[in-house]
Amino acid sequence: MTAADKDRGYWILAPCGVCQERLFAYGPDVEVAVPERADPRRWRTLQLRDVQPHWFARVFPDDVWPYEAQDPESRN
């Protein structure tokens, strides 16, 4: 949410790309606020998967998701 100006209240902004990447760590079902087209002071929720339909992890459907780093010692 950001201040539009002193007379127009606050506008809702969808999460930026960096924020979306961080939120994806919790899964594609996370709900985020996005502005209503007719009035950016109002919002609706969407699942993150719908905000970012072309997320790069969808290219690798066989990978474990969410990604879990393996123990470096187990690679030996």
C-alpha atoms as a PDB file:
ATOM      1  CA  MET A   1       0.000   0.000   0.000  1.00  0.00           C
ATOM      2  CA  THR A   2       1.346   3.432  -0.852  1.00  0.00           C
ATOM      3  CA  ALA A   3       0.091   6.974  -0.306  1.00  0.00           C
ATOM      4  CA  ALA A   4      -1.314   8.379  -3.546  1.00  0.00           C
ATOM      5  CA  ASP A   5      -1.525  11.937  -2.255  1.00  0.00           C
ATOM      6  CA  LYS A   6      -3.026  13.700   0.736  1.00  0.00           C
ATOM      7  CA  ASP A   7      -6.543  13.901  -0.753  1.00  0.00           C
ATOM      8  CA  ARG A   8      -6.802  10.551  -2.528  1.00  0.00           C
ATOM      9  CA  GLY A   9      -5.885   8.127   0.245  1.00  0.00           C
ATOM     10  CA  TYR A  10      -3.787   5.013  -0.274  1.00  0.00           C
ATOM     11  CA  TRP A  11      -3.329   2.915  -3.375  1.00  0.00           C
ATOM     12  CA  ILE A  12      -2.776  -0.836  -3.307  1.00  0.00           C
ATOM     13  CA  LEU A  13       0.209  -2.113  -5.261  1.00  0.00           C
ATOM     14  CA  ALA A  14       0.765  -5.734  -6.257  1.00  0.00           C
ATOM     15  CA  PRO A  15       3.996  -7.267  -4.910  1.00  0.00           C
ATOM     16  CA  CYS A  16       7.062  -6.422  -6.977  1.00  0.00           C
ATOM     17  CA  GLY A  17       9.075  -9.166  -8.659  1.00  0.00           C
ATOM     18  CA  VAL A  18      11.560  -9.521  -5.794  1.00  0.00           C
ATOM     19  CA  CYS A  19       8.720  -9.765  -3.271  1.00  0.00           C
ATOM     20  CA  GLN A  20       6.993 -12.368  -5.439  1.00  0.00           C
ATOM     21  CA  GLU A  21      10.154 -14.479  -5.528  1.00  0.00           C
ATOM     22  CA  ARG A  22      10.438 -14.340  -1.757  1.00  0.00           C
ATOM     23  CA  LEU A  23       6.766 -15.190  -1.278  1.00  0.00           C
ATOM     24  CA  PHE A  24       7.088 -18.169  -3.643  1.00  0.00           C
ATOM     25  CA  ALA A  25       9.233 -19.820  -0.979  1.00  0.00           C
ATOM     26  CA  TYR A  26       5.950 -20.384   0.876  1.00  0.00           C
ATOM     27  CA  GLY A  27       4.248 -21.857  -2.180  1.00  0.00           C
ATOM     28  CA  PRO A  28       2.159 -20.810  -5.153  1.00  0.00           C
ATOM     29  CA  ASP A  29      -1.043 -20.767  -3.085  1.00  0.00           C
ATOM     30  CA  VAL A  30      -0.004 -17.725  -1.023  1.00  0.00           C
ATOM     31  CA  GLU A  31      -2.624 -15.015  -1.364  1.00  0.00           C
ATOM     32  CA  VAL A  32      -1.539 -11.459  -2.139  1.00  0.00           C
ATOM     33  CA  ALA A  33      -3.445  -8.207  -2.492  1.00  0.00           C
ATOM     34  CA  VAL A  34      -3.739  -6.673  -5.943  1.00  0.00           C
ATOM     35  CA  PRO A  35      -5.499  -3.412  -6.789  1.00  0.00           C
ATOM     36  CA  GLU A  36      -8.973  -3.312  -8.281  1.00  0.00           C
ATOM     37  CA  ARG A  37      -8.794  -1.897 -11.794  1.00  0.00           C
ATOM     38  CA  ALA A  38     -11.653   0.549 -11.263  1.00  0.00           C
ATOM     39  CA  ASP A  39     -10.352   1.868  -7.927  1.00  0.00           C
ATOM     40  CA  PRO A  40      -6.723   1.287  -6.872  1.00  0.00           C
ATOM     41  CA  ARG A  41      -7.666   2.153  -3.284  1.00  0.00           C
ATOM     42  CA  ARG A  42      -9.559  -1.150  -3.113  1.00  0.00           C
ATOM     43  CA  TRP A  43      -8.081  -4.620  -3.484  1.00  0.00           C
ATOM     44  CA  ARG A  44      -8.841  -8.232  -4.134  1.00  0.00           C
ATOM     45  CA  THR A  45      -6.730 -11.271  -3.416  1.00  0.00           C
ATOM     46  CA  LEU A  46      -5.143 -13.596  -5.913  1.00  0.00           C
ATOM     47  CA  GLN A  47      -2.998 -16.637  -5.445  1.00  0.00           C
ATOM     48  CA  LEU A  48       0.616 -15.943  -6.251  1.00  0.00           C
ATOM     49  CA  ARG A  49       0.474 -18.500  -9.088  1.00  0.00           C
ATOM     50  CA  ASP A  50      -2.109 -16.247 -10.791  1.00  0.00           C
ATOM     51  CA  VAL A  51      -0.131 -13.055 -10.249  1.00  0.00           C
ATOM     52  CA  GLN A  52       2.958 -14.619 -11.825  1.00  0.00           C
ATOM     53  CA  PRO A  53       1.737 -17.283 -14.265  1.00  0.00           C
ATOM     54  CA  HIS A  54       5.113 -17.658 -15.985  1.00  0.00           C
ATOM     55  CA  TRP A  55       7.210 -18.304 -12.904  1.00  0.00           C
ATOM     56  CA  PHE A  56      10.466 -20.030 -13.893  1.00  0.00           C
ATOM     57  CA  ALA A  57      10.014 -23.026 -11.547  1.00  0.00           C
ATOM     58  CA  ARG A  58       7.119 -24.251 -13.686  1.00  0.00           C
ATOM     59  CA  VAL A  59       9.667 -25.113 -16.373  1.00  0.00           C
ATOM     60  CA  PHE A  60      11.086 -27.832 -14.107  1.00  0.00           C
ATOM     61  CA  PRO A  61       7.993 -29.835 -13.062  1.00  0.00           C
ATOM     62  CA  ASP A  62      10.011 -32.861 -11.876  1.00  0.00           C
ATOM     63  CA  ASP A  63      12.028 -30.866  -9.350  1.00  0.00           C
ATOM     64  CA  VAL A  64      11.058 -30.930  -5.697  1.00  0.00           C
ATOM     65  CA  TRP A  65       9.008 -27.876  -4.926  1.00  0.00           C
ATOM     66  CA  PRO A  66       9.478 -25.823  -2.932  1.00  0.00           C
ATOM     67  CA  TYR A  67      13.174 -26.234  -3.461  1.00  0.00           C
ATOM     68  CA  GLU A  68      15.090 -27.669  -0.533  1.00  0.00           C
ATOM     69  CA  ALA A  69      18.857 -27.329  -0.519  1.00  0.00           C
ATOM     70  CA  GLN A  70      20.630 -30.627  -0.020  1.00  0.00           C
ATOM     71  CA  ASP A  71      23.280 -31.119   2.617  1.00  0.00           C
ATOM     72  CA  PRO A  72      26.650 -30.443   0.867  1.00  0.00           C
ATOM     73  CA  GLU A  73      28.202 -33.436   2.637  1.00  0.00           C
ATOM     74  CA  SER A  74      25.606 -35.803   1.170  1.00  0.00           C
ATOM     75  CA  ARG A  75      26.873 -35.086  -2.352  1.00  0.00           C
ATOM     76  CA  ASN A  76      30.117 -37.021  -1.833  1.00  0.00           C
END
